[in-house]
Each structure stands twice: as C-alpha cells, then as structure tokens.
Amino acid sequence: MRDFFSKFKKSPKVFIIAEAGSNHLCDIKRVYKLIDIASEAGADAVKFQSFSANEIATQNPKYNKIKNKFKKYSNNLHSFYRKYEMPKHFYKKIINYCKKKKSFL
C-alpha cells in the first residue's frame, strides 16, 4: 500500500476519493455502475464501506429493535446491517473490473 500512495506524495494534484458507502445494496452491477460514475466524475479512487453486521450490531433482540422509518427494511439492526454488508466475493470482482477499465488501479 505504501508504494501505491508514494507516487502521489510528490504530485501537486489533489487525490480525490469518491465515497460510495454501502449504496451497492449487495448488487455487483450496481457496484460497477458506482465505479463508472466516480470515474466519469474525475475521481482518482472510490471507497466502499466494508463492515460486518456481527461487529457492529448485537443479535440480541432485546437491544437491536428498529423503531423508526427503517422498520420497513428490517425489524432489527443486525439483519438490517447484514443486508448491506459488502460480500467478500465482490472484492476480487471489483479489482478486476477496475483493472479492465484502467480505473483507479
């Protein structure tokens, strides 16, 4: 990783990172579209959120209830976050897609 960023340290150009968050909704075609949009907008990189529901929400129903407008998506936080985790098998596909497009890598 250090070698990747070392080429930017001496550059006067600002390095722009697009934030895609978890807007992929676990759909690889949507991931590719978000990469395309970031590339077309002139971003140098795109960042997707990578989290595990097990690490950020308890499965205990006593503590993970959803009470507001998000209830239409799930009745508890753990299952809500679980729906939007970046599937591990996406990582290699994302890298290959960026290499093919010559974007970001």
N, C-alpha and C. Protein backbone atom coordinates (compact mmCIF):
# COMPACT_ATOMS: atom_id res chain seq x y z
N MET A 1 0.82 -1.17 0.00
CA MET A 1 0.00 0.00 0.00
C MET A 1 0.87 1.25 0.00
N ARG A 2 1.97 1.20 0.68
CA ARG A 2 2.86 2.36 0.75
C ARG A 2 3.35 2.76 -0.64
N ASP A 3 3.69 1.78 -1.48
CA ASP A 3 4.16 2.09 -2.84
C ASP A 3 3.06 2.76 -3.66
N PHE A 4 1.83 2.36 -3.46
CA PHE A 4 0.71 2.94 -4.19
C PHE A 4 0.60 4.44 -3.90
N PHE A 5 0.66 4.82 -2.63
CA PHE A 5 0.49 6.22 -2.26
C PHE A 5 1.75 7.05 -2.43
N SER A 6 2.92 6.43 -2.47
CA SER A 6 4.16 7.20 -2.59
C SER A 6 4.22 8.00 -3.88
N LYS A 7 3.61 7.52 -4.95
CA LYS A 7 3.63 8.27 -6.21
C LYS A 7 2.79 9.54 -6.15
N PHE A 8 1.89 9.62 -5.18
CA PHE A 8 1.03 10.80 -5.05
C PHE A 8 1.63 11.86 -4.13
N LYS A 9 2.56 11.49 -3.29
CA LYS A 9 3.13 12.43 -2.33
C LYS A 9 3.82 13.61 -3.01
N LYS A 10 4.46 13.36 -4.12
CA LYS A 10 5.21 14.41 -4.80
C LYS A 10 4.39 15.12 -5.87
N SER A 11 3.20 14.68 -6.10
CA SER A 11 2.34 15.26 -7.12
C SER A 11 1.62 16.49 -6.57
N PRO A 12 1.55 17.57 -7.35
CA PRO A 12 0.80 18.75 -6.90
C PRO A 12 -0.72 18.56 -7.04
N LYS A 13 -1.13 17.49 -7.72
CA LYS A 13 -2.56 17.23 -7.95
C LYS A 13 -3.23 16.70 -6.67
N VAL A 14 -4.43 17.17 -6.42
CA VAL A 14 -5.22 16.67 -5.30
C VAL A 14 -5.75 15.29 -5.67
N PHE A 15 -5.65 14.34 -4.74
CA PHE A 15 -6.13 12.98 -4.94
C PHE A 15 -7.56 12.93 -4.43
N ILE A 16 -8.52 12.68 -5.32
CA ILE A 16 -9.93 12.72 -4.98
C ILE A 16 -10.47 11.30 -4.83
N ILE A 17 -11.09 11.05 -3.67
CA ILE A 17 -11.68 9.74 -3.38
C ILE A 17 -13.20 9.89 -3.33
N ALA A 18 -13.90 9.19 -4.21
CA ALA A 18 -15.37 9.19 -4.21
C ALA A 18 -15.86 8.24 -3.12
N GLU A 19 -16.90 8.65 -2.41
CA GLU A 19 -17.49 7.82 -1.35
C GLU A 19 -18.75 7.15 -1.87
N ALA A 20 -18.70 5.84 -2.02
CA ALA A 20 -19.87 5.08 -2.46
C ALA A 20 -20.61 4.47 -1.27
N GLY A 21 -19.97 4.42 -0.12
CA GLY A 21 -20.62 3.89 1.07
C GLY A 21 -21.09 2.46 0.88
N SER A 22 -22.30 2.20 1.31
CA SER A 22 -22.88 0.87 1.13
C SER A 22 -24.04 0.96 0.14
N ASN A 23 -23.98 1.92 -0.76
CA ASN A 23 -25.04 2.13 -1.74
C ASN A 23 -25.10 1.05 -2.82
N HIS A 24 -24.23 0.06 -2.72
CA HIS A 24 -24.23 -1.03 -3.70
C HIS A 24 -25.43 -1.95 -3.50
N LEU A 25 -25.98 -1.97 -2.29
CA LEU A 25 -27.13 -2.82 -1.95
C LEU A 25 -26.91 -4.28 -2.31
N CYS A 26 -25.66 -4.73 -2.21
CA CYS A 26 -25.26 -6.13 -2.49
C CYS A 26 -25.55 -6.54 -3.93
N ASP A 27 -25.42 -5.61 -4.84
CA ASP A 27 -25.66 -5.86 -6.27
C ASP A 27 -24.38 -5.49 -7.03
N ILE A 28 -23.69 -6.49 -7.56
CA ILE A 28 -22.40 -6.24 -8.23
C ILE A 28 -22.55 -5.32 -9.43
N LYS A 29 -23.66 -5.39 -10.14
CA LYS A 29 -23.87 -4.47 -11.28
C LYS A 29 -23.97 -3.03 -10.79
N ARG A 30 -24.58 -2.86 -9.64
CA ARG A 30 -24.66 -1.53 -9.06
C ARG A 30 -23.28 -1.04 -8.63
N VAL A 31 -22.45 -1.94 -8.10
CA VAL A 31 -21.07 -1.60 -7.74
C VAL A 31 -20.33 -1.09 -8.99
N TYR A 32 -20.45 -1.82 -10.08
CA TYR A 32 -19.78 -1.42 -11.32
C TYR A 32 -20.27 -0.05 -11.78
N LYS A 33 -21.56 0.20 -11.68
CA LYS A 33 -22.13 1.49 -12.08
C LYS A 33 -21.59 2.62 -11.20
N LEU A 34 -21.48 2.38 -9.90
CA LEU A 34 -20.92 3.38 -9.00
C LEU A 34 -19.46 3.67 -9.33
N ILE A 35 -18.71 2.65 -9.70
CA ILE A 35 -17.32 2.85 -10.12
C ILE A 35 -17.28 3.68 -11.40
N ASP A 36 -18.15 3.36 -12.34
CA ASP A 36 -18.21 4.12 -13.60
C ASP A 36 -18.53 5.59 -13.35
N ILE A 37 -19.49 5.84 -12.49
CA ILE A 37 -19.89 7.22 -12.19
C ILE A 37 -18.75 7.98 -11.54
N ALA A 38 -18.08 7.36 -10.58
CA ALA A 38 -16.95 8.01 -9.91
C ALA A 38 -15.83 8.30 -10.90
N SER A 39 -15.55 7.35 -11.77
CA SER A 39 -14.51 7.53 -12.79
C SER A 39 -14.86 8.67 -13.75
N GLU A 40 -16.11 8.68 -14.22
CA GLU A 40 -16.55 9.72 -15.14
C GLU A 40 -16.55 11.10 -14.49
N ALA A 41 -16.74 11.14 -13.18
CA ALA A 41 -16.74 12.42 -12.46
C ALA A 41 -15.33 12.93 -12.20
N GLY A 42 -14.32 12.10 -12.50
CA GLY A 42 -12.93 12.53 -12.34
C GLY A 42 -12.28 12.11 -11.04
N ALA A 43 -12.94 11.25 -10.27
CA ALA A 43 -12.34 10.77 -9.02
C ALA A 43 -11.13 9.89 -9.33
N ASP A 44 -10.17 9.90 -8.42
CA ASP A 44 -8.98 9.07 -8.56
C ASP A 44 -9.16 7.70 -7.92
N ALA A 45 -10.14 7.59 -7.03
CA ALA A 45 -10.42 6.34 -6.33
C ALA A 45 -11.87 6.36 -5.88
N VAL A 46 -12.37 5.20 -5.53
CA VAL A 46 -13.72 5.10 -4.96
C VAL A 46 -13.64 4.21 -3.73
N LYS A 47 -14.35 4.62 -2.67
CA LYS A 47 -14.33 3.89 -1.42
C LYS A 47 -15.72 3.33 -1.12
N PHE A 48 -15.77 2.05 -0.86
CA PHE A 48 -16.99 1.38 -0.44
C PHE A 48 -16.85 1.04 1.04
N GLN A 49 -17.94 1.10 1.78
CA GLN A 49 -17.90 0.70 3.18
C GLN A 49 -17.76 -0.80 3.26
N SER A 50 -16.95 -1.22 4.19
CA SER A 50 -16.75 -2.65 4.41
C SER A 50 -16.94 -2.90 5.91
N PHE A 51 -18.01 -3.57 6.25
CA PHE A 51 -18.30 -3.84 7.65
C PHE A 51 -18.96 -5.19 7.77
N SER A 52 -19.00 -5.68 8.98
CA SER A 52 -19.66 -6.94 9.29
C SER A 52 -20.77 -6.66 10.29
N ALA A 53 -21.96 -7.12 10.02
CA ALA A 53 -23.08 -6.93 10.94
C ALA A 53 -22.74 -7.47 12.32
N ASN A 54 -22.01 -8.57 12.37
CA ASN A 54 -21.64 -9.16 13.66
C ASN A 54 -20.75 -8.25 14.49
N GLU A 55 -20.01 -7.37 13.82
CA GLU A 55 -19.10 -6.47 14.52
C GLU A 55 -19.78 -5.17 14.98
N ILE A 56 -20.90 -4.80 14.36
CA ILE A 56 -21.49 -3.51 14.70
C ILE A 56 -22.89 -3.59 15.33
N ALA A 57 -23.46 -4.76 15.37
CA ALA A 57 -24.81 -4.88 15.95
C ALA A 57 -24.96 -6.22 16.67
N THR A 58 -25.63 -6.18 17.79
CA THR A 58 -25.89 -7.41 18.54
C THR A 58 -27.05 -8.18 17.89
N GLN A 59 -27.04 -9.46 18.07
CA GLN A 59 -28.15 -10.28 17.60
C GLN A 59 -29.22 -10.42 18.68
N ASN A 60 -28.95 -9.89 19.84
CA ASN A 60 -29.90 -9.97 20.97
C ASN A 60 -31.11 -9.09 20.67
N PRO A 61 -32.29 -9.68 20.52
CA PRO A 61 -33.49 -8.90 20.17
C PRO A 61 -33.88 -7.84 21.20
N LYS A 62 -33.41 -8.00 22.41
CA LYS A 62 -33.72 -7.02 23.45
C LYS A 62 -33.08 -5.65 23.15
N TYR A 63 -31.93 -5.67 22.45
CA TYR A 63 -31.16 -4.44 22.24
C TYR A 63 -31.08 -3.98 20.79
N ASN A 64 -31.66 -4.67 19.85
CA ASN A 64 -31.44 -4.30 18.45
C ASN A 64 -32.71 -3.98 17.67
N LYS A 65 -33.76 -3.59 18.36
CA LYS A 65 -35.02 -3.29 17.69
C LYS A 65 -34.94 -1.99 16.89
N ILE A 66 -35.60 -1.98 15.75
CA ILE A 66 -35.72 -0.78 14.93
C ILE A 66 -37.12 -0.22 15.16
N LYS A 67 -37.19 1.07 15.50
CA LYS A 67 -38.48 1.65 15.87
C LYS A 67 -38.95 2.74 14.90
N ASN A 68 -38.14 3.15 13.98
CA ASN A 68 -38.50 4.31 13.16
C ASN A 68 -38.74 3.93 11.70
N LYS A 69 -38.50 4.88 10.80
CA LYS A 69 -38.79 4.68 9.38
C LYS A 69 -38.01 3.52 8.74
N PHE A 70 -36.94 3.07 9.36
CA PHE A 70 -36.16 1.97 8.81
C PHE A 70 -36.80 0.60 9.07
N LYS A 71 -37.84 0.59 9.89
CA LYS A 71 -38.52 -0.66 10.21
C LYS A 71 -39.06 -1.36 8.96
N LYS A 72 -39.33 -0.59 7.91
CA LYS A 72 -39.82 -1.21 6.67
C LYS A 72 -38.75 -2.09 6.01
N TYR A 73 -37.48 -1.89 6.37
CA TYR A 73 -36.39 -2.69 5.80
C TYR A 73 -36.06 -3.91 6.64
N SER A 74 -36.30 -3.81 7.93
CA SER A 74 -35.98 -4.92 8.82
C SER A 74 -36.57 -4.62 10.19
N ASN A 75 -36.74 -5.65 11.00
CA ASN A 75 -37.26 -5.41 12.34
C ASN A 75 -36.16 -5.36 13.39
N ASN A 76 -34.90 -5.58 12.97
CA ASN A 76 -33.79 -5.46 13.92
C ASN A 76 -32.53 -4.98 13.21
N LEU A 77 -31.65 -4.33 13.99
CA LEU A 77 -30.44 -3.74 13.42
C LEU A 77 -29.50 -4.76 12.80
N HIS A 78 -29.35 -5.90 13.45
CA HIS A 78 -28.41 -6.90 12.93
C HIS A 78 -28.81 -7.34 11.52
N SER A 79 -30.05 -7.68 11.31
CA SER A 79 -30.46 -8.13 9.98
C SER A 79 -30.44 -6.98 8.98
N PHE A 80 -30.71 -5.76 9.44
CA PHE A 80 -30.62 -4.59 8.57
C PHE A 80 -29.20 -4.43 8.04
N TYR A 81 -28.22 -4.44 8.94
CA TYR A 81 -26.82 -4.29 8.53
C TYR A 81 -26.36 -5.49 7.69
N ARG A 82 -26.84 -6.65 8.03
CA ARG A 82 -26.46 -7.88 7.30
C ARG A 82 -26.81 -7.76 5.82
N LYS A 83 -27.94 -7.12 5.51
CA LYS A 83 -28.38 -6.95 4.12
C LYS A 83 -27.42 -6.10 3.30
N TYR A 84 -26.67 -5.23 3.97
CA TYR A 84 -25.84 -4.26 3.24
C TYR A 84 -24.34 -4.47 3.41
N GLU A 85 -23.96 -5.61 3.96
CA GLU A 85 -22.53 -5.94 4.02
C GLU A 85 -22.00 -6.11 2.59
N MET A 86 -20.74 -5.74 2.40
CA MET A 86 -20.10 -5.98 1.10
C MET A 86 -19.72 -7.46 1.06
N PRO A 87 -20.32 -8.25 0.18
CA PRO A 87 -19.96 -9.67 0.11
C PRO A 87 -18.47 -9.85 -0.22
N LYS A 88 -17.84 -10.74 0.48
CA LYS A 88 -16.39 -10.93 0.30
C LYS A 88 -16.02 -11.29 -1.13
N HIS A 89 -16.88 -12.02 -1.83
CA HIS A 89 -16.56 -12.42 -3.19
C HIS A 89 -16.61 -11.22 -4.17
N PHE A 90 -17.11 -10.07 -3.72
CA PHE A 90 -17.12 -8.88 -4.56
C PHE A 90 -15.72 -8.27 -4.73
N TYR A 91 -14.87 -8.42 -3.73
CA TYR A 91 -13.58 -7.72 -3.74
C TYR A 91 -12.76 -8.02 -4.99
N LYS A 92 -12.61 -9.28 -5.30
CA LYS A 92 -11.82 -9.66 -6.48
C LYS A 92 -12.49 -9.16 -7.75
N LYS A 93 -13.81 -9.23 -7.82
CA LYS A 93 -14.54 -8.73 -8.99
C LYS A 93 -14.34 -7.23 -9.16
N ILE A 94 -14.34 -6.49 -8.06
CA ILE A 94 -14.13 -5.05 -8.12
C ILE A 94 -12.73 -4.73 -8.63
N ILE A 95 -11.74 -5.41 -8.10
CA ILE A 95 -10.35 -5.19 -8.55
C ILE A 95 -10.22 -5.50 -10.03
N ASN A 96 -10.76 -6.63 -10.46
CA ASN A 96 -10.68 -6.99 -11.88
C ASN A 96 -11.41 -6.00 -12.77
N TYR A 97 -12.55 -5.50 -12.31
CA TYR A 97 -13.31 -4.52 -13.09
C TYR A 97 -12.51 -3.22 -13.25
N CYS A 98 -11.91 -2.77 -12.17
CA CYS A 98 -11.11 -1.55 -12.23
C CYS A 98 -9.88 -1.74 -13.14
N LYS A 99 -9.26 -2.89 -13.07
CA LYS A 99 -8.11 -3.16 -13.95
C LYS A 99 -8.55 -3.17 -15.41
N LYS A 100 -9.68 -3.79 -15.69
CA LYS A 100 -10.18 -3.86 -17.06
C LYS A 100 -10.49 -2.46 -17.61
N LYS A 101 -11.04 -1.63 -16.76
CA LYS A 101 -11.39 -0.27 -17.17
C LYS A 101 -10.20 0.69 -17.08
N LYS A 102 -9.12 0.20 -16.45
CA LYS A 102 -7.96 1.03 -16.17
C LYS A 102 -8.35 2.23 -15.31
N SER A 103 -9.25 1.98 -14.38
CA SER A 103 -9.70 2.99 -13.45
C SER A 103 -9.18 2.65 -12.06
N PHE A 104 -8.62 3.60 -11.41
CA PHE A 104 -8.28 3.54 -10.01
C PHE A 104 -7.14 2.61 -9.64
N LEU A 105 -6.63 1.80 -10.52
CA LEU A 105 -5.52 0.92 -10.14
C LEU A 105 -4.33 1.15 -11.06
